[in-house]
Amino acid sequence: MKKLVVLMALFLGTSLSWQGKVMAKDPVEGQTAVETHDIRLGLVSLSGTPTLSGSYDLGGFYAMNVQTGVYYYSRHDRVNGFLRLPAFIDDLPEGTYEFGAFQGQGGWMAVSSKVVTIGPGMEDESGYVTLYLDIAWEE
């Protein structure tokens, strides 16, 4: 019993200490390491104005790798239940992704998804790859 408790404590401690960390492996000979990029997400209003500020009825943003189906989710702030821009996806590996947003709790708006290939040289002067998704409709 004592051994089981010690093993569980060790397992939980190890699991919690690695939570949220991405381990980079050294590339195997003949392979190159995959570069990652920090993504900053904003919206384009119905009138065509891009913005990285404001609060919106969205659940959050996602990036789905179109080749592997792996999802990456944004980190973001909330103000009174609304998502505050900008939102961020950290350490996104290079590749082709469908970017989109989840509908918020009130269903007051929807955002069109967009497919973008993320690669070298896309960072702006602030160090982010900044993407804007179009608001499809809002009430």
N, C-alpha and C. Protein backbone atom coordinates (compact mmCIF):
# COMPACT_ATOMS: atom_id res chain seq x y z
N MET A 1 0.84 -1.19 0.00
CA MET A 1 0.00 0.00 0.00
C MET A 1 0.88 1.25 0.00
N LYS A 2 1.89 1.23 0.84
CA LYS A 2 2.80 2.37 0.92
C LYS A 2 3.50 2.59 -0.42
N LYS A 3 3.87 1.49 -1.06
CA LYS A 3 4.53 1.55 -2.36
C LYS A 3 3.60 2.17 -3.41
N LEU A 4 2.32 1.80 -3.36
CA LEU A 4 1.33 2.33 -4.30
C LEU A 4 1.16 3.84 -4.11
N VAL A 5 1.10 4.30 -2.87
CA VAL A 5 0.95 5.72 -2.59
C VAL A 5 2.16 6.50 -3.12
N VAL A 6 3.36 5.96 -2.90
CA VAL A 6 4.58 6.62 -3.36
C VAL A 6 4.60 6.67 -4.89
N LEU A 7 4.22 5.57 -5.54
CA LEU A 7 4.20 5.55 -7.01
C LEU A 7 3.18 6.54 -7.57
N MET A 8 2.00 6.61 -6.94
CA MET A 8 0.97 7.55 -7.41
C MET A 8 1.45 9.00 -7.24
N ALA A 9 2.07 9.29 -6.11
CA ALA A 9 2.57 10.64 -5.87
C ALA A 9 3.65 11.00 -6.89
N LEU A 10 4.52 10.05 -7.18
CA LEU A 10 5.58 10.27 -8.16
C LEU A 10 4.97 10.51 -9.55
N PHE A 11 4.00 9.68 -9.92
CA PHE A 11 3.35 9.82 -11.22
C PHE A 11 2.63 11.16 -11.34
N LEU A 12 1.85 11.54 -10.34
CA LEU A 12 1.12 12.80 -10.38
C LEU A 12 2.06 14.00 -10.39
N GLY A 13 3.09 13.94 -9.60
CA GLY A 13 4.06 15.03 -9.57
C GLY A 13 4.75 15.21 -10.90
N THR A 14 5.12 14.09 -11.53
CA THR A 14 5.76 14.15 -12.85
C THR A 14 4.78 14.66 -13.89
N SER A 15 3.55 14.17 -13.86
CA SER A 15 2.54 14.59 -14.84
C SER A 15 2.27 16.08 -14.72
N LEU A 16 2.12 16.58 -13.51
CA LEU A 16 1.82 17.99 -13.31
C LEU A 16 3.00 18.87 -13.69
N SER A 17 4.21 18.39 -13.45
CA SER A 17 5.37 19.22 -13.76
C SER A 17 5.59 19.34 -15.27
N TRP A 18 5.10 18.39 -16.07
CA TRP A 18 5.26 18.44 -17.51
C TRP A 18 4.06 19.07 -18.20
N GLN A 19 2.99 19.33 -17.47
CA GLN A 19 1.78 19.85 -18.08
C GLN A 19 2.04 21.20 -18.74
N GLY A 20 1.62 21.32 -20.00
CA GLY A 20 1.76 22.58 -20.72
C GLY A 20 3.12 22.82 -21.35
N LYS A 21 4.06 21.90 -21.16
CA LYS A 21 5.39 22.07 -21.74
C LYS A 21 5.49 21.23 -23.01
N VAL A 22 6.17 21.75 -24.00
CA VAL A 22 6.40 21.02 -25.23
C VAL A 22 7.86 20.61 -25.24
N MET A 23 8.08 19.34 -25.40
CA MET A 23 9.44 18.83 -25.45
C MET A 23 9.92 18.82 -26.89
N ALA A 24 11.04 19.44 -27.15
CA ALA A 24 11.63 19.41 -28.48
C ALA A 24 12.68 18.31 -28.51
N LYS A 25 12.57 17.42 -29.46
CA LYS A 25 13.56 16.36 -29.61
C LYS A 25 14.62 16.81 -30.59
N ASP A 26 15.82 16.31 -30.40
CA ASP A 26 16.85 16.56 -31.39
C ASP A 26 16.44 15.85 -32.67
N PRO A 27 16.64 16.51 -33.81
CA PRO A 27 16.24 15.86 -35.05
C PRO A 27 17.08 14.62 -35.32
N VAL A 28 16.44 13.62 -35.88
CA VAL A 28 17.14 12.41 -36.28
C VAL A 28 18.00 12.79 -37.48
N GLU A 29 19.13 12.13 -37.61
CA GLU A 29 20.03 12.45 -38.71
C GLU A 29 19.27 12.40 -40.04
N GLY A 30 19.42 13.44 -40.84
CA GLY A 30 18.73 13.50 -42.13
C GLY A 30 17.39 14.22 -42.05
N GLN A 31 16.92 14.52 -40.84
CA GLN A 31 15.67 15.24 -40.68
C GLN A 31 15.97 16.63 -40.13
N THR A 32 15.08 17.56 -40.39
CA THR A 32 15.25 18.90 -39.86
C THR A 32 14.24 19.13 -38.74
N ALA A 33 14.61 19.98 -37.82
CA ALA A 33 13.72 20.30 -36.71
C ALA A 33 12.55 21.14 -37.24
N VAL A 34 11.38 20.95 -36.65
CA VAL A 34 10.21 21.72 -37.05
C VAL A 34 10.22 23.04 -36.29
N GLU A 35 10.13 24.13 -37.03
CA GLU A 35 10.07 25.45 -36.42
C GLU A 35 8.66 25.70 -35.90
N THR A 36 8.56 26.47 -34.82
CA THR A 36 7.26 26.85 -34.29
C THR A 36 7.11 28.36 -34.36
N HIS A 37 5.86 28.81 -34.35
CA HIS A 37 5.56 30.23 -34.47
C HIS A 37 4.47 30.61 -33.48
N ASP A 38 4.55 31.83 -32.99
CA ASP A 38 3.52 32.37 -32.10
C ASP A 38 2.51 33.11 -32.97
N ILE A 39 1.25 32.74 -32.80
CA ILE A 39 0.17 33.29 -33.62
C ILE A 39 -0.64 34.28 -32.80
N ARG A 40 -0.96 35.43 -33.40
CA ARG A 40 -1.83 36.42 -32.77
C ARG A 40 -3.07 36.52 -33.66
N LEU A 41 -4.25 36.40 -33.05
CA LEU A 41 -5.50 36.36 -33.81
C LEU A 41 -6.38 37.56 -33.53
N GLY A 42 -6.92 38.11 -34.61
CA GLY A 42 -7.86 39.20 -34.53
C GLY A 42 -9.04 38.94 -35.45
N LEU A 43 -9.88 39.93 -35.61
CA LEU A 43 -11.09 39.80 -36.42
C LEU A 43 -11.15 40.92 -37.45
N VAL A 44 -11.91 40.66 -38.52
CA VAL A 44 -12.25 41.68 -39.51
C VAL A 44 -13.74 41.91 -39.40
N SER A 45 -14.13 43.16 -39.14
CA SER A 45 -15.54 43.50 -38.96
C SER A 45 -16.31 43.34 -40.27
N LEU A 46 -17.61 43.40 -40.18
CA LEU A 46 -18.46 43.31 -41.37
C LEU A 46 -18.20 44.46 -42.35
N SER A 47 -17.69 45.57 -41.84
CA SER A 47 -17.37 46.71 -42.72
C SER A 47 -15.96 46.59 -43.31
N GLY A 48 -15.22 45.53 -42.95
CA GLY A 48 -13.89 45.31 -43.51
C GLY A 48 -12.74 45.84 -42.70
N THR A 49 -12.99 46.28 -41.47
CA THR A 49 -11.94 46.84 -40.63
C THR A 49 -11.30 45.76 -39.76
N PRO A 50 -9.97 45.54 -39.90
CA PRO A 50 -9.30 44.56 -39.03
C PRO A 50 -9.10 45.16 -37.64
N THR A 51 -9.21 44.30 -36.62
CA THR A 51 -9.01 44.77 -35.24
C THR A 51 -8.34 43.69 -34.40
N LEU A 52 -7.52 44.16 -33.48
CA LEU A 52 -6.90 43.31 -32.47
C LEU A 52 -7.37 43.72 -31.07
N SER A 53 -8.50 44.40 -31.00
CA SER A 53 -9.00 44.83 -29.70
C SER A 53 -10.52 44.66 -29.67
N GLY A 54 -11.07 44.77 -28.47
CA GLY A 54 -12.51 44.64 -28.30
C GLY A 54 -12.88 43.31 -27.68
N SER A 55 -14.13 43.20 -27.27
CA SER A 55 -14.65 41.97 -26.65
C SER A 55 -15.77 41.42 -27.53
N TYR A 56 -15.76 40.10 -27.71
CA TYR A 56 -16.68 39.46 -28.64
C TYR A 56 -17.27 38.19 -28.03
N ASP A 57 -18.47 37.84 -28.49
CA ASP A 57 -19.14 36.63 -28.02
C ASP A 57 -18.61 35.42 -28.78
N LEU A 58 -17.39 35.03 -28.43
CA LEU A 58 -16.74 33.86 -29.02
C LEU A 58 -16.22 32.97 -27.90
N GLY A 59 -16.17 31.67 -28.18
CA GLY A 59 -15.67 30.72 -27.19
C GLY A 59 -14.15 30.60 -27.21
N GLY A 60 -13.52 31.03 -28.29
CA GLY A 60 -12.08 30.92 -28.44
C GLY A 60 -11.73 30.59 -29.87
N PHE A 61 -10.45 30.55 -30.17
CA PHE A 61 -9.97 30.24 -31.52
C PHE A 61 -9.28 28.89 -31.53
N TYR A 62 -9.19 28.31 -32.71
CA TYR A 62 -8.48 27.04 -32.87
C TYR A 62 -7.68 27.08 -34.17
N ALA A 63 -6.69 26.20 -34.24
CA ALA A 63 -5.95 25.93 -35.48
C ALA A 63 -5.91 24.41 -35.62
N MET A 64 -6.43 23.89 -36.73
CA MET A 64 -6.42 22.45 -36.97
C MET A 64 -5.45 22.16 -38.12
N ASN A 65 -4.46 21.34 -37.85
CA ASN A 65 -3.52 20.93 -38.88
C ASN A 65 -4.27 20.09 -39.91
N VAL A 66 -4.30 20.54 -41.17
CA VAL A 66 -5.12 19.86 -42.17
C VAL A 66 -4.55 18.50 -42.57
N GLN A 67 -3.26 18.24 -42.32
CA GLN A 67 -2.68 16.95 -42.66
C GLN A 67 -2.84 15.93 -41.54
N THR A 68 -2.75 16.38 -40.28
CA THR A 68 -2.78 15.43 -39.15
C THR A 68 -4.10 15.46 -38.39
N GLY A 69 -4.88 16.54 -38.52
CA GLY A 69 -6.12 16.66 -37.76
C GLY A 69 -5.91 17.09 -36.32
N VAL A 70 -4.67 17.44 -35.95
CA VAL A 70 -4.37 17.86 -34.58
C VAL A 70 -4.84 19.30 -34.38
N TYR A 71 -5.53 19.54 -33.25
CA TYR A 71 -6.04 20.87 -32.91
C TYR A 71 -5.11 21.56 -31.93
N TYR A 72 -4.97 22.87 -32.09
CA TYR A 72 -4.28 23.74 -31.16
C TYR A 72 -5.29 24.83 -30.78
N TYR A 73 -5.32 25.20 -29.51
CA TYR A 73 -6.33 26.14 -29.01
C TYR A 73 -5.67 27.41 -28.50
N SER A 74 -6.43 28.49 -28.60
CA SER A 74 -5.90 29.79 -28.20
C SER A 74 -5.92 29.97 -26.69
N ARG A 75 -5.04 30.83 -26.25
CA ARG A 75 -5.13 31.37 -24.89
C ARG A 75 -5.67 32.77 -25.06
N HIS A 76 -6.52 33.18 -24.17
CA HIS A 76 -7.18 34.46 -24.35
C HIS A 76 -7.69 34.97 -23.01
N ASP A 77 -8.08 36.20 -23.01
CA ASP A 77 -8.68 36.82 -21.82
C ASP A 77 -10.19 36.88 -22.01
N ARG A 78 -10.89 36.93 -20.90
CA ARG A 78 -12.34 37.09 -20.92
C ARG A 78 -12.71 38.32 -20.10
N VAL A 79 -13.72 39.03 -20.58
CA VAL A 79 -14.27 40.17 -19.87
C VAL A 79 -15.78 39.96 -19.81
N ASN A 80 -16.30 39.75 -18.61
CA ASN A 80 -17.73 39.50 -18.42
C ASN A 80 -18.26 38.40 -19.33
N GLY A 81 -17.49 37.35 -19.52
CA GLY A 81 -17.90 36.23 -20.35
C GLY A 81 -17.58 36.36 -21.83
N PHE A 82 -17.10 37.52 -22.25
CA PHE A 82 -16.77 37.74 -23.66
C PHE A 82 -15.27 37.62 -23.88
N LEU A 83 -14.90 37.09 -25.05
CA LEU A 83 -13.49 36.95 -25.40
C LEU A 83 -12.91 38.31 -25.77
N ARG A 84 -11.77 38.64 -25.16
CA ARG A 84 -11.11 39.91 -25.45
C ARG A 84 -9.94 39.66 -26.40
N LEU A 85 -9.89 40.43 -27.45
CA LEU A 85 -8.80 40.32 -28.42
C LEU A 85 -7.58 41.10 -27.96
N PRO A 86 -6.39 40.72 -28.42
CA PRO A 86 -6.13 39.60 -29.31
C PRO A 86 -6.09 38.27 -28.55
N ALA A 87 -6.22 37.17 -29.30
CA ALA A 87 -6.03 35.83 -28.75
C ALA A 87 -4.71 35.30 -29.31
N PHE A 88 -4.14 34.32 -28.64
CA PHE A 88 -2.81 33.82 -29.03
C PHE A 88 -2.80 32.30 -29.06
N ILE A 89 -2.08 31.75 -30.03
CA ILE A 89 -1.74 30.33 -30.05
C ILE A 89 -0.22 30.29 -30.03
N ASP A 90 0.34 29.74 -28.98
CA ASP A 90 1.79 29.72 -28.80
C ASP A 90 2.42 28.47 -29.40
N ASP A 91 3.60 28.62 -29.95
CA ASP A 91 4.43 27.51 -30.42
C ASP A 91 3.72 26.60 -31.42
N LEU A 92 3.06 27.18 -32.41
CA LEU A 92 2.39 26.40 -33.44
C LEU A 92 3.43 25.91 -34.44
N PRO A 93 3.54 24.59 -34.64
CA PRO A 93 4.52 24.08 -35.61
C PRO A 93 4.17 24.52 -37.04
N GLU A 94 5.19 24.66 -37.88
CA GLU A 94 4.94 25.01 -39.27
C GLU A 94 4.02 23.98 -39.91
N GLY A 95 3.20 24.44 -40.84
CA GLY A 95 2.29 23.55 -41.54
C GLY A 95 1.09 24.31 -42.05
N THR A 96 0.13 23.58 -42.60
CA THR A 96 -1.09 24.18 -43.12
C THR A 96 -2.21 23.92 -42.13
N TYR A 97 -2.90 24.99 -41.75
CA TYR A 97 -3.92 24.93 -40.70
C TYR A 97 -5.22 25.58 -41.15
N GLU A 98 -6.31 25.04 -40.63
CA GLU A 98 -7.59 25.72 -40.71
C GLU A 98 -7.74 26.49 -39.40
N PHE A 99 -7.85 27.80 -39.50
CA PHE A 99 -8.06 28.64 -38.33
C PHE A 99 -9.54 28.98 -38.25
N GLY A 100 -10.10 28.93 -37.06
CA GLY A 100 -11.51 29.25 -36.88
C GLY A 100 -11.77 29.65 -35.45
N ALA A 101 -13.05 29.87 -35.15
CA ALA A 101 -13.45 30.29 -33.81
C ALA A 101 -14.69 29.50 -33.39
N PHE A 102 -14.79 29.27 -32.09
CA PHE A 102 -15.96 28.61 -31.52
C PHE A 102 -17.01 29.66 -31.18
N GLN A 103 -18.26 29.29 -31.42
CA GLN A 103 -19.35 30.20 -31.10
C GLN A 103 -19.40 30.44 -29.59
N GLY A 104 -19.75 31.65 -29.22
CA GLY A 104 -19.82 32.01 -27.80
C GLY A 104 -21.11 31.56 -27.15
N GLN A 105 -21.27 31.92 -25.90
CA GLN A 105 -22.40 31.45 -25.11
C GLN A 105 -23.73 32.03 -25.56
N GLY A 106 -23.74 33.21 -26.15
CA GLY A 106 -24.99 33.83 -26.56
C GLY A 106 -25.36 33.59 -28.00
N GLY A 107 -24.40 33.10 -28.81
CA GLY A 107 -24.68 32.87 -30.22
C GLY A 107 -24.94 34.16 -30.98
N TRP A 108 -24.23 35.24 -30.60
CA TRP A 108 -24.48 36.55 -31.21
C TRP A 108 -23.67 36.79 -32.46
N MET A 109 -22.76 35.88 -32.79
CA MET A 109 -21.92 36.09 -33.96
C MET A 109 -21.30 34.78 -34.42
N ALA A 110 -20.78 34.79 -35.65
CA ALA A 110 -20.04 33.65 -36.19
C ALA A 110 -18.85 34.19 -36.98
N VAL A 111 -17.82 33.38 -37.06
CA VAL A 111 -16.59 33.76 -37.73
C VAL A 111 -16.29 32.74 -38.82
N SER A 112 -15.88 33.20 -40.00
CA SER A 112 -15.51 32.31 -41.09
C SER A 112 -14.13 31.72 -40.84
N SER A 113 -13.98 30.43 -41.13
CA SER A 113 -12.66 29.80 -40.98
C SER A 113 -11.80 30.16 -42.19
N LYS A 114 -10.50 29.94 -42.04
CA LYS A 114 -9.54 30.31 -43.08
C LYS A 114 -8.40 29.29 -43.04
N VAL A 115 -7.94 28.84 -44.21
CA VAL A 115 -6.79 27.93 -44.30
C VAL A 115 -5.56 28.74 -44.63
N VAL A 116 -4.52 28.56 -43.80
CA VAL A 116 -3.27 29.33 -43.95
C VAL A 116 -2.10 28.37 -43.75
N THR A 117 -1.08 28.51 -44.59
CA THR A 117 0.16 27.76 -44.40
C THR A 117 1.13 28.64 -43.62
N ILE A 118 1.54 28.15 -42.46
CA ILE A 118 2.45 28.88 -41.57
C ILE A 118 3.88 28.41 -41.86
N GLY A 119 4.76 29.37 -42.13
CA GLY A 119 6.14 29.03 -42.46
C GLY A 119 7.09 30.14 -42.07
N PRO A 120 8.35 30.00 -42.46
CA PRO A 120 9.37 30.98 -42.08
C PRO A 120 9.11 32.35 -42.69
N GLY A 121 9.51 33.39 -41.95
CA GLY A 121 9.44 34.74 -42.44
C GLY A 121 8.07 35.40 -42.36
N MET A 122 7.13 34.78 -41.69
CA MET A 122 5.78 35.34 -41.60
C MET A 122 5.58 36.25 -40.38
N GLU A 123 6.55 36.29 -39.47
CA GLU A 123 6.41 37.09 -38.26
C GLU A 123 6.46 38.58 -38.60
N ASP A 124 5.64 39.35 -37.89
CA ASP A 124 5.68 40.80 -38.06
C ASP A 124 6.73 41.37 -37.10
N GLU A 125 6.81 42.70 -37.04
CA GLU A 125 7.83 43.36 -36.21
C GLU A 125 7.69 43.05 -34.73
N SER A 126 6.52 42.60 -34.29
CA SER A 126 6.33 42.27 -32.88
C SER A 126 6.65 40.81 -32.58
N GLY A 127 7.03 40.03 -33.60
CA GLY A 127 7.42 38.64 -33.40
C GLY A 127 6.28 37.65 -33.55
N TYR A 128 5.11 38.10 -33.93
CA TYR A 128 3.95 37.21 -34.11
C TYR A 128 3.61 37.05 -35.59
N VAL A 129 2.99 35.91 -35.91
CA VAL A 129 2.28 35.77 -37.17
C VAL A 129 0.87 36.24 -36.85
N THR A 130 0.46 37.38 -37.39
CA THR A 130 -0.84 37.95 -37.07
C THR A 130 -1.84 37.58 -38.16
N LEU A 131 -2.94 36.96 -37.74
CA LEU A 131 -3.99 36.53 -38.67
C LEU A 131 -5.30 37.16 -38.25
N TYR A 132 -6.09 37.52 -39.24
CA TYR A 132 -7.42 38.09 -39.00
C TYR A 132 -8.46 37.17 -39.63
N LEU A 133 -9.47 36.82 -38.86
CA LEU A 133 -10.58 36.03 -39.38
C LEU A 133 -11.78 36.93 -39.58
N ASP A 134 -12.52 36.69 -40.65
CA ASP A 134 -13.68 37.52 -40.98
C ASP A 134 -14.89 37.17 -40.11
N ILE A 135 -15.54 38.19 -39.59
CA ILE A 135 -16.83 37.99 -38.94
C ILE A 135 -17.84 37.69 -40.05
N ALA A 136 -18.50 36.54 -39.98
CA ALA A 136 -19.46 36.15 -41.02
C ALA A 136 -20.80 36.85 -40.81
N TRP A 137 -21.22 36.92 -39.56
CA TRP A 137 -22.46 37.63 -39.20
C TRP A 137 -22.43 37.93 -37.72
N GLU A 138 -23.19 38.92 -37.34
CA GLU A 138 -23.34 39.24 -35.92
C GLU A 138 -24.65 39.98 -35.70
N GLU A 139 -25.19 39.82 -34.51
CA GLU A 139 -26.44 40.49 -34.15
C GLU A 139 -26.17 41.56 -33.14
